[in-house]
C-alpha cells in the first residue's frame, strides 16, 4: 500500500500546532520559546497547501475558459 505524502501532511501540520500550543501553555519561563518554531512550521505548511490549492484551481479554471473560447 502506497502512502500519500499529502495525507500525512494533512495530519502532521495540525498535530504540530497542537503540540506547540500545549507546550507553550504548560511550560514556565524561558522554555516557552522552544515551542514557537514547531507551531510556526505547522502554520506555514497549512498556508502553503492553501495557496497551492488556490493556484491549482485558478489554473484549472483558466484551462476550462480557454477550451470554451475555442469552440
C-alpha atoms as a PDB file:
ATOM      1  CA  UNK A   1       0.000   0.000   0.000  1.00  0.00           C
ATOM      2  CA  UNK A   2       1.414   3.336  -1.074  1.00  0.00           C
ATOM      3  CA  UNK A   3       1.240   6.151   1.493  1.00  0.00           C
ATOM      4  CA  UNK A   4       0.260   9.544   0.126  1.00  0.00           C
ATOM      5  CA  UNK A   5       2.544  12.404   1.203  1.00  0.00           C
ATOM      6  CA  UNK A   6      -0.319  14.902   1.200  1.00  0.00           C
ATOM      7  CA  UNK A   7      -2.357  12.696   3.537  1.00  0.00           C
ATOM      8  CA  UNK A   8       0.489  12.573   6.055  1.00  0.00           C
ATOM      9  CA  UNK A   9       0.985  16.344   5.892  1.00  0.00           C
ATOM     10  CA  UNK A  10      -2.719  16.900   6.489  1.00  0.00           C
ATOM     11  CA  UNK A  11      -2.386  15.128   9.852  1.00  0.00           C
ATOM     12  CA  UNK A  12       1.084  16.317  10.830  1.00  0.00           C
ATOM     13  CA  UNK A  13       0.526  20.066  10.474  1.00  0.00           C
ATOM     14  CA  UNK A  14      -2.415  20.329  12.907  1.00  0.00           C
ATOM     15  CA  UNK A  15      -0.607  17.966  15.285  1.00  0.00           C
ATOM     16  CA  UNK A  16       2.420  20.292  15.238  1.00  0.00           C
ATOM     17  CA  UNK A  17       0.216  23.260  16.091  1.00  0.00           C
ATOM     18  CA  UNK A  18      -1.431  21.371  18.959  1.00  0.00           C
ATOM     19  CA  UNK A  19       1.944  20.296  20.362  1.00  0.00           C
ATOM     20  CA  UNK A  20       3.151  23.877  20.165  1.00  0.00           C
ATOM     21  CA  UNK A  21       0.073  25.271  21.892  1.00  0.00           C
ATOM     22  CA  UNK A  22       0.152  22.688  24.686  1.00  0.00           C
ATOM     23  CA  UNK A  23       3.872  23.174  25.238  1.00  0.00           C
ATOM     24  CA  UNK A  24       3.569  26.936  25.188  1.00  0.00           C
ATOM     25  CA  UNK A  25       0.734  26.914  27.717  1.00  0.00           C
ATOM     26  CA  UNK A  26       2.158  24.281  30.056  1.00  0.00           C
ATOM     27  CA  UNK A  27       5.800  25.421  30.292  1.00  0.00           C
ATOM     28  CA  UNK A  28       7.031  28.136  32.602  1.00  0.00           C
ATOM     29  CA  UNK A  29       9.708  30.752  31.966  1.00  0.00           C
ATOM     30  CA  UNK A  30      12.157  30.770  29.062  1.00  0.00           C
ATOM     31  CA  UNK A  31      11.304  27.247  27.872  1.00  0.00           C
ATOM     32  CA  UNK A  32       8.154  28.537  26.154  1.00  0.00           C
ATOM     33  CA  UNK A  33      10.123  29.918  23.219  1.00  0.00           C
ATOM     34  CA  UNK A  34      11.255  26.437  22.152  1.00  0.00           C
ATOM     35  CA  UNK A  35       7.687  25.513  21.144  1.00  0.00           C
ATOM     36  CA  UNK A  36       7.223  28.525  18.888  1.00  0.00           C
ATOM     37  CA  UNK A  37       9.124  27.207  15.812  1.00  0.00           C
ATOM     38  CA  UNK A  38       7.135  23.968  15.615  1.00  0.00           C
ATOM     39  CA  UNK A  39       3.884  25.934  15.702  1.00  0.00           C
ATOM     40  CA  UNK A  40       5.089  28.294  13.004  1.00  0.00           C
ATOM     41  CA  UNK A  41       6.122  25.353  10.823  1.00  0.00           C
ATOM     42  CA  UNK A  42       2.672  23.789  11.195  1.00  0.00           C
ATOM     43  CA  UNK A  43       1.007  27.059  10.248  1.00  0.00           C
ATOM     44  CA  UNK A  44       3.330  27.520   7.259  1.00  0.00           C
ATOM     45  CA  UNK A  45       2.544  24.001   5.991  1.00  0.00           C
ATOM     46  CA  UNK A  46      -1.188  24.687   6.173  1.00  0.00           C
ATOM     47  CA  UNK A  47      -0.877  28.101   4.495  1.00  0.00           C
ATOM     48  CA  UNK A  48       1.408  26.700   1.797  1.00  0.00           C
ATOM     49  CA  UNK A  49      -1.069  23.958   0.945  1.00  0.00           C
ATOM     50  CA  UNK A  50      -3.904  26.506   0.858  1.00  0.00           C
ATOM     51  CA  UNK A  51      -2.029  28.785  -1.524  1.00  0.00           C
ATOM     52  CA  UNK A  52      -1.087  25.857  -3.765  1.00  0.00           C
ATOM     53  CA  UNK A  53      -4.695  24.651  -3.838  1.00  0.00           C
ATOM     54  CA  UNK A  54      -5.931  28.106  -4.861  1.00  0.00           C
ATOM     55  CA  UNK A  55      -3.354  28.380  -7.643  1.00  0.00           C
ATOM     56  CA  UNK A  56      -4.272  24.929  -8.945  1.00  0.00           C
ATOM     57  CA  UNK A  57      -7.958  25.846  -9.015  1.00  0.00           C
ATOM     58  CA  UNK A  58      -7.188  29.093 -10.831  1.00  0.00           C
ATOM     59  CA  UNK A  59      -5.132  27.233 -13.456  1.00  0.00           C
ATOM     60  CA  UNK A  60      -7.903  24.693 -13.989  1.00  0.00           C
ATOM     61  CA  UNK A  61     -10.467  27.483 -14.432  1.00  0.00           C
ATOM     62  CA  UNK A  62      -8.178  29.195 -16.945  1.00  0.00           C
ATOM     63  CA  UNK A  63      -7.867  25.974 -18.949  1.00  0.00           C
ATOM     64  CA  UNK A  64     -11.632  25.458 -18.947  1.00  0.00           C
ATOM     65  CA  UNK A  65     -12.198  29.007 -20.169  1.00  0.00           C
ATOM     66  CA  UNK A  66      -9.620  28.572 -22.943  1.00  0.00           C
ATOM     67  CA  UNK A  67     -11.404  25.438 -24.203  1.00  0.00           C
ATOM     68  CA  UNK A  68     -14.739  27.242 -24.173  1.00  0.00           C
ATOM     69  CA  UNK A  69     -13.359  30.128 -26.273  1.00  0.00           C
ATOM     70  CA  UNK A  70     -12.025  27.667 -28.850  1.00  0.00           C
ATOM     71  CA  UNK A  71     -15.497  26.368 -29.712  1.00  0.00           C
END
